[in-house]
C-alpha atoms as a PDB file:
ATOM      1  CA  VAL A   1      -5.062  -7.259  13.879  1.00  0.00           C
ATOM      2  CA  GLN A   2      -3.811  -3.707  14.083  1.00  0.00           C
ATOM      3  CA  LEU A   3      -2.092  -2.194  11.074  1.00  0.00           C
ATOM      4  CA  GLN A   4       0.668   0.380  11.124  1.00  0.00           C
ATOM      5  CA  ALA A   5       2.020   1.983   7.984  1.00  0.00           C
ATOM      6  CA  SER A   6       5.445   3.590   7.927  1.00  0.00           C
ATOM      7  CA  GLY A   7       8.250   4.571   5.604  1.00  0.00           C
ATOM      8  CA  GLY A   8       6.941   7.791   4.135  1.00  0.00           C
ATOM      9  CA  GLY A   9       9.014  10.902   3.743  1.00  0.00           C
ATOM     10  CA  LEU A  10      10.120  13.739   1.520  1.00  0.00           C
ATOM     11  CA  VAL A  11      11.961  12.689  -1.633  1.00  0.00           C
ATOM     12  CA  GLN A  12      12.774  14.114  -5.032  1.00  0.00           C
ATOM     13  CA  ALA A  13      11.239  13.036  -8.288  1.00  0.00           C
ATOM     14  CA  GLY A  14      12.895   9.855  -9.521  1.00  0.00           C
ATOM     15  CA  ASP A  15      13.764   8.624  -6.047  1.00  0.00           C
ATOM     16  CA  SER A  16      12.524   5.470  -4.346  1.00  0.00           C
ATOM     17  CA  LEU A  17      10.795   4.710  -1.074  1.00  0.00           C
ATOM     18  CA  ARG A  18       9.652   1.518   0.569  1.00  0.00           C
ATOM     19  CA  LEU A  19       6.535   1.625   2.688  1.00  0.00           C
ATOM     20  CA  SER A  20       5.825  -1.025   5.309  1.00  0.00           C
ATOM     21  CA  CYS A  21       2.524  -2.162   6.734  1.00  0.00           C
ATOM     22  CA  VAL A  22       3.053  -4.131   9.911  1.00  0.00           C
ATOM     23  CA  ALA A  23       0.372  -6.289  11.466  1.00  0.00           C
ATOM     24  CA  SER A  24       0.391  -6.507  15.221  1.00  0.00           C
ATOM     25  CA  GLY A  25      -1.697  -8.983  17.133  1.00  0.00           C
ATOM     26  CA  GLY A  26      -1.849 -11.279  14.136  1.00  0.00           C
ATOM     27  CA  THR A  27      -0.605 -11.885  10.620  1.00  0.00           C
ATOM     28  CA  PHE A  28      -1.760 -11.323   7.063  1.00  0.00           C
ATOM     29  CA  ASP A  29      -2.542 -15.020   6.631  1.00  0.00           C
ATOM     30  CA  ASN A  30      -5.879 -15.480   4.872  1.00  0.00           C
ATOM     31  CA  LEU A  31      -6.216 -11.748   4.378  1.00  0.00           C
ATOM     32  CA  SER A  32      -5.805  -9.580   1.334  1.00  0.00           C
ATOM     33  CA  THR A  33      -3.961  -6.320   1.792  1.00  0.00           C
ATOM     34  CA  GLY A  34      -4.286  -3.145  -0.172  1.00  0.00           C
ATOM     35  CA  TRP A  35      -2.413   0.119  -0.309  1.00  0.00           C
ATOM     36  CA  PHE A  36      -4.477   3.215  -0.921  1.00  0.00           C
ATOM     37  CA  ARG A  37      -3.522   6.853  -1.143  1.00  0.00           C
ATOM     38  CA  GLN A  38      -5.254  10.162  -0.738  1.00  0.00           C
ATOM     39  CA  ALA A  39      -3.837  13.393  -2.052  1.00  0.00           C
ATOM     40  CA  PRO A  40      -4.997  16.781  -0.743  1.00  0.00           C
ATOM     41  CA  GLY A  41      -8.376  17.659  -2.182  1.00  0.00           C
ATOM     42  CA  LYS A  42      -8.751  14.312  -3.904  1.00  0.00           C
ATOM     43  CA  GLU A  43     -10.597  11.105  -3.176  1.00  0.00           C
ATOM     44  CA  ARG A  44      -8.854   8.043  -1.852  1.00  0.00           C
ATOM     45  CA  GLU A  45      -7.627   5.764  -4.609  1.00  0.00           C
ATOM     46  CA  PHE A  46      -6.400   2.206  -4.880  1.00  0.00           C
ATOM     47  CA  VAL A  47      -2.683   1.827  -5.452  1.00  0.00           C
ATOM     48  CA  ALA A  48      -1.809  -1.863  -5.114  1.00  0.00           C
ATOM     49  CA  GLY A  49      -3.129  -5.027  -3.546  1.00  0.00           C
ATOM     50  CA  ILE A  50      -1.956  -8.523  -2.702  1.00  0.00           C
ATOM     51  CA  GLY A  51      -4.236 -11.486  -2.156  1.00  0.00           C
ATOM     52  CA  TRP A  52      -3.920 -14.624  -0.087  1.00  0.00           C
ATOM     53  CA  SER A  53      -1.293 -15.809  -2.516  1.00  0.00           C
ATOM     54  CA  ARG A  54       1.707 -13.538  -2.859  1.00  0.00           C
ATOM     55  CA  TYR A  55       1.425 -14.037  -6.603  1.00  0.00           C
ATOM     56  CA  ASN A  56      -2.038 -12.504  -6.661  1.00  0.00           C
ATOM     57  CA  THR A  57      -1.304  -8.819  -7.062  1.00  0.00           C
ATOM     58  CA  ARG A  58      -3.039  -5.877  -8.682  1.00  0.00           C
ATOM     59  CA  TYR A  59      -1.923  -2.360  -9.439  1.00  0.00           C
ATOM     60  CA  ALA A  60      -3.456   0.910 -10.439  1.00  0.00           C
ATOM     61  CA  ASP A  61      -2.516   1.837 -13.989  1.00  0.00           C
ATOM     62  CA  SER A  62      -0.772   4.946 -12.704  1.00  0.00           C
ATOM     63  CA  VAL A  63       1.798   2.929 -10.753  1.00  0.00           C
ATOM     64  CA  LYS A  64       2.247  -0.205 -12.870  1.00  0.00           C
ATOM     65  CA  GLY A  65       5.899  -0.844 -13.600  1.00  0.00           C
ATOM     66  CA  ARG A  66       7.014   1.521 -10.842  1.00  0.00           C
ATOM     67  CA  PHE A  67       5.484   0.116  -7.639  1.00  0.00           C
ATOM     68  CA  THR A  68       5.713  -3.422  -6.295  1.00  0.00           C
ATOM     69  CA  ILE A  69       3.681  -4.889  -3.466  1.00  0.00           C
ATOM     70  CA  SER A  70       5.003  -7.865  -1.535  1.00  0.00           C
ATOM     71  CA  ARG A  71       4.606  -9.739   1.731  1.00  0.00           C
ATOM     72  CA  ASP A  72       7.359 -11.170   3.900  1.00  0.00           C
ATOM     73  CA  ASP A  73       7.640 -14.884   4.611  1.00  0.00           C
ATOM     74  CA  ALA A  74       6.569 -14.462   8.217  1.00  0.00           C
ATOM     75  CA  GLY A  75       3.318 -12.950   6.980  1.00  0.00           C
ATOM     76  CA  ASN A  76       3.252  -9.946   9.236  1.00  0.00           C
ATOM     77  CA  THR A  77       4.602  -7.214   6.974  1.00  0.00           C
ATOM     78  CA  VAL A  78       3.415  -6.032   3.581  1.00  0.00           C
ATOM     79  CA  TYR A  79       5.680  -3.744   1.610  1.00  0.00           C
ATOM     80  CA  LEU A  80       5.124  -1.234  -1.130  1.00  0.00           C
ATOM     81  CA  GLN A  81       8.305  -0.569  -3.051  1.00  0.00           C
ATOM     82  CA  MET A  82       7.930   2.693  -4.919  1.00  0.00           C
ATOM     83  CA  ASN A  83      10.433   3.537  -7.635  1.00  0.00           C
ATOM     84  CA  SER A  84      10.674   6.423 -10.079  1.00  0.00           C
ATOM     85  CA  LEU A  85       8.482   8.550  -7.864  1.00  0.00           C
ATOM     86  CA  LYS A  86       6.649  11.478  -9.390  1.00  0.00           C
ATOM     87  CA  PRO A  87       5.211  14.617  -7.806  1.00  0.00           C
ATOM     88  CA  GLU A  88       1.733  13.250  -8.518  1.00  0.00           C
ATOM     89  CA  ASP A  89       2.495  10.345  -6.167  1.00  0.00           C
ATOM     90  CA  THR A  90       2.378  12.780  -3.271  1.00  0.00           C
ATOM     91  CA  ALA A  91      -0.296  11.593  -0.850  1.00  0.00           C
ATOM     92  CA  VAL A  92      -1.005   9.938   2.447  1.00  0.00           C
ATOM     93  CA  TYR A  93      -0.619   6.202   1.938  1.00  0.00           C
ATOM     94  CA  SER A  94      -2.633   3.753   4.027  1.00  0.00           C
ATOM     95  CA  CYS A  95      -2.829  -0.010   4.196  1.00  0.00           C
ATOM     96  CA  ALA A  96      -5.954  -2.035   4.777  1.00  0.00           C
ATOM     97  CA  THR A  97      -7.067  -5.656   4.866  1.00  0.00           C
ATOM     98  CA  ASN A  98     -10.103  -7.695   3.921  1.00  0.00           C
ATOM     99  CA  ARG A  99     -11.047 -11.370   3.917  1.00  0.00           C
ATOM    100  CA  ARG A 100     -11.298 -11.774   0.158  1.00  0.00           C
ATOM    101  CA  PHE A 101      -9.038 -14.265  -1.551  1.00  0.00           C
ATOM    102  CA  ASP A 102      -8.092 -11.826  -4.274  1.00  0.00           C
ATOM    103  CA  ALA A 103      -6.772  -8.287  -4.145  1.00  0.00           C
ATOM    104  CA  ALA A 104      -9.789  -6.013  -4.359  1.00  0.00           C
ATOM    105  CA  THR A 105      -9.468  -2.526  -5.788  1.00  0.00           C
ATOM    106  CA  ASP A 106     -12.649  -1.136  -4.232  1.00  0.00           C
ATOM    107  CA  SER A 107     -12.003   0.372  -0.806  1.00  0.00           C
ATOM    108  CA  GLY A 108     -15.468  -0.699   0.274  1.00  0.00           C
ATOM    109  CA  TRP A 109     -14.267  -4.284   0.546  1.00  0.00           C
ATOM    110  CA  TYR A 110     -11.644  -3.379   3.138  1.00  0.00           C
ATOM    111  CA  GLU A 111     -12.593  -3.783   6.778  1.00  0.00           C
ATOM    112  CA  ASN A 112      -9.496  -2.929   8.731  1.00  0.00           C
ATOM    113  CA  TRP A 113      -7.479   0.216   8.122  1.00  0.00           C
ATOM    114  CA  GLY A 114      -4.227   1.455   9.526  1.00  0.00           C
ATOM    115  CA  GLN A 115      -3.077   5.016   9.940  1.00  0.00           C
ATOM    116  CA  GLY A 116      -1.382   6.489   6.923  1.00  0.00           C
ATOM    117  CA  THR A 117       2.125   7.643   6.180  1.00  0.00           C
ATOM    118  CA  LEU A 118       2.826  10.785   4.194  1.00  0.00           C
ATOM    119  CA  VAL A 119       4.809  10.617   0.988  1.00  0.00           C
ATOM    120  CA  THR A 120       5.893  13.912  -0.544  1.00  0.00           C
ATOM    121  CA  VAL A 121       7.656  13.986  -3.880  1.00  0.00           C
ATOM    122  CA  SER A 122       9.229  17.244  -4.925  1.00  0.00           C
ATOM    123  CA  SER A 123       9.908  18.148  -8.541  1.00  0.00           C
END
């Protein structure tokens, strides 16, 4: 399965964006998917994850209540809806998958990574 993230862009603080992670050559069935981000000069950090069940989701404290991760019914696209964006959300966002049932927060669990999409939030 190849992953492709898209949907990034330049927005103002308070705006919304929806990122998409599309799986080609397969689906997200029996895979957990995570969104991670890396800001310039900082380490990669977990943002949100969704497990085998669409109801199994986890979020970083910094995005709880603002970001929502979801998966479409066909099982080949995972979304990250980002609302009330802040300048500190500026980063390259990447999606990744692993075979765990639950949504892991540790990037070391993730085996398959897609290329990232840049999100820039201006103040």
